[in-house]
Each structure stands twice: as structure tokens, then as C-alpha cells.
């Protein structure tokens, strides 16, 4: 057999890290998968980053598959999270709610583009109606029989 001196273990060890720090100034979650029915693409994330840099100087954008488990159900959510640290707030920004609104508006425009843009082409009216009908069925509970 070969010489294994200096090798303490061939079993991988779990790497667990954590950190503590100040909470972010602003945080947004976009439930991308529910609306798009897919995970967000790298191009879409880069486009979002470029858009948000028009509002703040530094932003963190995270695409994540989030799993939630309960005793009787489970869910897999494809989310996009946007965090803005206190240090990244524009200097002299007196109204954080105004900034929050500008970022929320940018996210809404970006999401709409992701939902309607197909290879740089817009969906046809019929495609939008079909997509909206599916979303309507997902987002709204049916009315109970009268």
C-alpha cells in the first residue's frame, strides 16, 4: 500500500461558517419562481445588478432555491434577494422610504421584463393572456360554490 503519512483523514468534514454583523439597511425578496415558473438566469441577474447600480452604488443580489418544510407540506421557492448595506446608502439620502420605493419600482420593471421578454422579443397578446390566466389560478383561491 502507498505511504499515507501526513494524511489525517480522507473523510470530508462539513464546513460550517457564520458571521455576525449589522443588519442590512434594505432587503427585498422576489418570489421569481412563482411568477416565472423557472429559476432566474445569470443574464437576468446581471441585468438586475446593472439596473440597481443606477439607484445605489453597491448592492448584493442573491439567487437562491429556498426549501421550506412542514409536517404536512413542503415547498421549493426560487427567489431573488436584494440587500443594500447601510454603507451603500447614497450619501445625504434623507428619505429611506423614497429609496425603498425606487428600488421596488426597479425590481417590478425588471421582473415584468423577465416574464414578458423571450429572447429579446415581447410575448404576443395571446401568450400574455395565457400566462396571466395561469398566474391568476395560482395566486387566487377559487370562490366557494354559492
Protein backbone atom coordinates (compact mmCIF):
# COMPACT_ATOMS: atom_id res chain seq x y z
CA UNK A 1 0.00 0.00 0.00
CA UNK A 2 1.04 3.60 -0.50
CA UNK A 3 2.54 5.86 2.08
CA UNK A 4 -0.23 7.82 3.83
CA UNK A 5 1.95 9.74 6.28
CA UNK A 6 0.71 13.25 6.80
CA UNK A 7 -2.86 12.42 5.75
CA UNK A 8 -5.05 12.63 8.82
CA UNK A 9 -8.38 11.70 7.26
CA UNK A 10 -9.86 11.00 3.88
CA UNK A 11 -13.38 11.72 5.12
CA UNK A 12 -14.64 15.16 4.12
CA UNK A 13 -15.59 17.41 7.00
CA UNK A 14 -18.55 19.73 6.97
CA UNK A 15 -17.67 23.36 6.57
CA UNK A 16 -19.97 25.49 8.63
CA UNK A 17 -19.41 29.19 8.81
CA UNK A 18 -21.38 32.02 10.27
CA UNK A 19 -20.94 35.64 10.88
CA UNK A 20 -22.42 38.44 12.83
CA UNK A 21 -22.72 41.94 11.61
CA UNK A 22 -25.10 44.80 11.35
CA UNK A 23 -28.41 44.17 9.67
CA UNK A 24 -28.76 45.36 6.10
CA UNK A 25 -30.44 48.71 5.57
CA UNK A 26 -32.84 47.48 2.90
CA UNK A 27 -33.78 43.96 1.88
CA UNK A 28 -36.13 42.78 -0.87
CA UNK A 29 -37.28 39.28 -1.85
CA UNK A 30 -38.72 38.50 -5.28
CA UNK A 31 -40.51 35.15 -5.49
CA UNK A 32 -39.23 34.71 -9.02
CA UNK A 33 -40.15 31.05 -9.45
CA UNK A 34 -43.82 31.55 -8.64
CA UNK A 35 -44.21 34.11 -11.39
CA UNK A 36 -41.74 32.86 -13.97
CA UNK A 37 -42.11 29.12 -13.35
CA UNK A 38 -38.34 28.71 -13.55
CA UNK A 39 -35.09 29.78 -11.97
CA UNK A 40 -33.62 33.16 -12.80
CA UNK A 41 -30.82 33.21 -15.40
CA UNK A 42 -27.38 34.69 -14.95
CA UNK A 43 -28.10 37.25 -17.68
CA UNK A 44 -31.25 38.35 -15.87
CA UNK A 45 -29.30 38.73 -12.61
CA UNK A 46 -26.61 40.78 -14.34
CA UNK A 47 -29.29 42.98 -15.91
CA UNK A 48 -30.83 43.47 -12.46
CA UNK A 49 -27.47 44.40 -10.98
CA UNK A 50 -26.85 46.98 -13.70
CA UNK A 51 -30.32 48.43 -13.17
CA UNK A 52 -29.89 48.71 -9.40
CA UNK A 53 -26.49 50.38 -9.77
CA UNK A 54 -28.45 53.28 -11.24
CA UNK A 55 -30.11 53.66 -7.82
CA UNK A 56 -27.36 52.71 -5.32
CA UNK A 57 -23.58 52.40 -5.61
CA UNK A 58 -23.28 48.87 -4.16
CA UNK A 59 -25.88 46.13 -3.98
CA UNK A 60 -25.93 42.41 -3.18
CA UNK A 61 -28.10 40.21 -5.41
CA UNK A 62 -28.62 36.58 -4.43
CA UNK A 63 -30.44 33.87 -6.38
CA UNK A 64 -31.50 31.05 -4.13
CA UNK A 65 -33.52 27.90 -4.04
CA UNK A 66 -35.19 28.02 -0.68
CA UNK A 67 -36.78 24.91 0.77
CA UNK A 68 -39.46 25.12 3.43
CA UNK A 69 -40.61 22.00 5.24
CA UNK A 70 -43.61 21.35 7.43
CA UNK A 71 -45.13 18.19 8.82
CA UNK A 72 -47.75 18.09 6.06
CA UNK A 73 -46.20 20.10 3.27
CA UNK A 74 -43.02 21.30 1.69
CA UNK A 75 -42.14 23.97 -0.82
CA UNK A 76 -39.22 24.87 -3.05
CA UNK A 77 -39.05 28.58 -3.80
CA UNK A 78 -36.80 30.16 -6.40
CA UNK A 79 -36.14 33.61 -5.01
CA UNK A 80 -34.03 36.62 -5.82
CA UNK A 81 -32.92 38.60 -2.80
CA UNK A 82 -31.58 42.14 -2.97
CA UNK A 83 -29.73 43.62 0.01
CA UNK A 84 -28.38 47.12 0.44
CA UNK A 85 -26.00 47.69 3.35
CA UNK A 86 -26.08 50.86 5.43
CA UNK A 87 -22.70 51.87 3.94
CA UNK A 88 -24.14 51.61 0.43
CA UNK A 89 -26.98 54.07 1.01
CA UNK A 90 -26.50 57.17 -1.12
CA UNK A 91 -24.91 59.97 0.93
CA UNK A 92 -27.44 62.54 2.04
CA UNK A 93 -30.37 60.20 1.30
CA UNK A 94 -32.77 61.65 3.82
CA UNK A 95 -35.83 59.63 2.87
CA UNK A 96 -35.12 55.90 3.03
CA UNK A 97 -38.74 55.15 2.11
CA UNK A 98 -38.29 57.06 -1.15
CA UNK A 99 -35.18 54.99 -1.89
CA UNK A 100 -37.07 51.81 -0.98
CA UNK A 101 -39.79 52.80 -3.44
CA UNK A 102 -37.27 53.46 -6.23
CA UNK A 103 -35.66 50.05 -5.70
CA UNK A 104 -39.08 48.33 -5.55
CA UNK A 105 -40.08 50.05 -8.80
CA UNK A 106 -36.83 48.92 -10.46
CA UNK A 107 -37.49 45.35 -9.27
CA UNK A 108 -41.05 45.44 -10.64
CA UNK A 109 -39.86 46.66 -14.07
CA UNK A 110 -37.09 44.02 -14.10
CA UNK A 111 -39.49 41.21 -13.14
CA UNK A 112 -42.01 42.29 -15.77
CA UNK A 113 -39.26 42.19 -18.39
CA UNK A 114 -38.19 38.71 -17.24
CA UNK A 115 -41.79 37.49 -17.52
CA UNK A 116 -42.55 39.00 -20.91
CA UNK A 117 -39.19 39.04 -22.66
CA UNK A 118 -38.42 35.96 -24.72
CA UNK A 119 -35.08 36.02 -26.48
CA UNK A 120 -35.34 39.81 -26.65
CA UNK A 121 -38.86 39.53 -28.11
CA UNK A 122 -42.04 40.51 -26.33
CA UNK A 123 -44.78 37.96 -25.80
CA UNK A 124 -47.81 38.27 -28.03
CA UNK A 125 -51.13 39.36 -26.54
CA UNK A 126 -52.41 35.76 -26.67
CA UNK A 127 -49.29 34.49 -24.87
CA UNK A 128 -49.69 37.17 -22.18
CA UNK A 129 -53.36 36.28 -21.68
CA UNK A 130 -52.49 32.56 -21.35
CA UNK A 131 -49.67 33.30 -18.91
CA UNK A 132 -51.87 35.63 -16.86
CA UNK A 133 -54.64 33.00 -16.70
CA UNK A 134 -52.18 30.51 -15.23
CA UNK A 135 -50.91 33.06 -12.71
CA UNK A 136 -54.46 34.04 -11.80
CA UNK A 137 -55.21 30.41 -11.00
CA UNK A 138 -52.08 30.11 -8.88
CA UNK A 139 -52.41 33.39 -7.00
CA UNK A 140 -56.13 33.43 -6.22
CA UNK A 141 -58.16 30.84 -4.41
CA UNK A 142 -61.33 29.84 -6.21
CA UNK A 143 -64.53 31.26 -4.81
CA UNK A 144 -66.54 28.76 -2.77
CA UNK A 145 -69.67 27.50 -4.51
CA UNK A 146 -72.60 29.80 -3.74
